[in-house]
Amino acid sequence: MYRGMTAIIYKEAIHIGRDPRTLFLMLLIPGIQLIIFGYAIDVDVRNINTVVYNLDGRRESARLIEAFENTGTFQILGFVNSDEAFNQTIVSGRARVGVKIPPDFSDRLMQRQQVPIQILIDGSDSTVAMQALNVANAIALERSVSIMAEAIDADAGLLIDSRPRILFNPEMKTANFMVPGLVGMVMQLVTILLTAFSVVREKETGTLEQLMVTPVSRFGLMSGKLIPYCVVGAFETLLVVLIMRYLFGVPIAGSTMLLAAFSLVFLFTALGLGLFVSVIAETQMQAVQLAFVIILPSILLSGFIFPQETMPYPIYLIGQLIPVTYFIRILRGIILRGAGFHELWPQAAVLAVMGIAILIISASQFRKSLA
């Protein structure tokens, strides 16, 4: 029944040994991914970027700011000097939380009068928003109890009145947070897989030889393969945005024209990434494996599900090398926060630079020769 089995085992072992790249991907990549994901997946929200508008500037307000820092939940990003800068920092996405301390904060505490502090929370990430809300209220309670204990005045009541306000997603609907990020992930998945087989298919069917005898340059070949898929990707983008808007009911707070323009920049970069995979892979199996090496980290390290602020710094840096990280920031900025070009152009600039660099690398890896 098992006649010839050892010969087949020997044959397959030889095939595996002759394809070290596939063997490398099969054995090493899962271990690397497990290590990265093990450190990256952390549901404890920490180091939320926070901006402070301190109109008091005295000892009691400094102690309140220290209380925010000491929790480990908030990371003071900086201080602003105007209401416009205070709101703009949150709209742009540079800070998730804003704390505004009134000018009479210390005076009213000394007189044992209740004093309100305003806390603005970016609700576009419901997980971060809920944690920030709970911790901010706990800090106000703790500081009030501490001040009452120092004054031995148990009848003073809660002196610090925390007044949080959830911006952009006041009901903290999960769909409003997840679906815009999901648009970016779906677009990346489709575009990478669309182009991942383009050059590999030419190699396996033998049509690459025909291209090699044409006067087409390497950049011409790469660009020519990108443009048709870019048109397909544009229609795919329109489809998923319409589904987001009318099926899931996620309103678009910002400019749709700006969203379309920045989406084209991301499409160019994502298609170039798929083309790069196609160039370096020798078989379609390798192309699939390499595509998922990119896609899986994108899901976990881009801020799509888990806040990047909670990740160890080396893992955080890896997340900054993933193009969809910047596109998710653009999507949530335009769709949820109504951010404009001034707030989001740095993200688009990074995407454009990445796209150009990937196209140059892909073209340099491609060789118009049979060798």
Foldseek 3Di string as FASTA:
>chain_A
DCPCVVVVVVVVVVVCVVCVLVVCLVPPLVVVVCVLLVQQDDLDAFAFEEEEEELAPDDLVVVLVVLVVVVRNYDHPYYDHDPVVQVVCCLLPVGFKYKYADNCNVVCLVVLAADEIEMEGALLQVSSRVVVVVSNVVSQQVSQVVSCVVVVNPPSPRRYHYDYQYALCRVSDPLSNQLLLVLLLVLLLVLLVVQLCVLLVCLVVVVLLVVLPDPQALLNVLVVSLVVSLVVSLVVSVVSVVCSCPVVVQAFQADPVQLSVLVSLLSLLSNLVSLLLNLPDNHVVSSVSVSVSLSVLCCRQLCSRDHLSSGPPVSVVVNVLRLSSLVSSVSCSRRRSRDDCVSRVVSSVVSNVSSVVSSVVSSVSHDSDPD
